[in-house]
Amino acid sequence: MGEGSNKSNTSLKNPKKQASQITAVRLPSEVVCRIDALVGRGNRSRFIAAAIERELKRRARLAHLEEAGGFIPDDLDALAFVNRLRAWDERAD
């Protein structure tokens, strides 16, 4: 696969690794420096992808709560509701 190719890559070493796509994103220089200082330049993409995944899950949870009217159903206690949300998160993966 040559440079400039927009085909997805998959890892043969890690079959659980998802296909990836090169995407240009502009970030403030200070943010990039902070990321590199925290995880190292070689791990920048992995860190950004994980942060985006967490935010996508958070927003999906918020949407799920909004659909439920923001309330815990009467037939569930708080722990059961949290466990239901966690199970819902796992299905969303």
Foldseek 3Di string as FASTA:
>chain_A
DDPPDQDWDDDPVDNVGDTDGDDDDDDPPVVLVVQCVVPNPVCSVVVVVVVVLVVVLVVVLVVVCVVVVVDDDPVDDPVVSVVVSVVVSVVVD
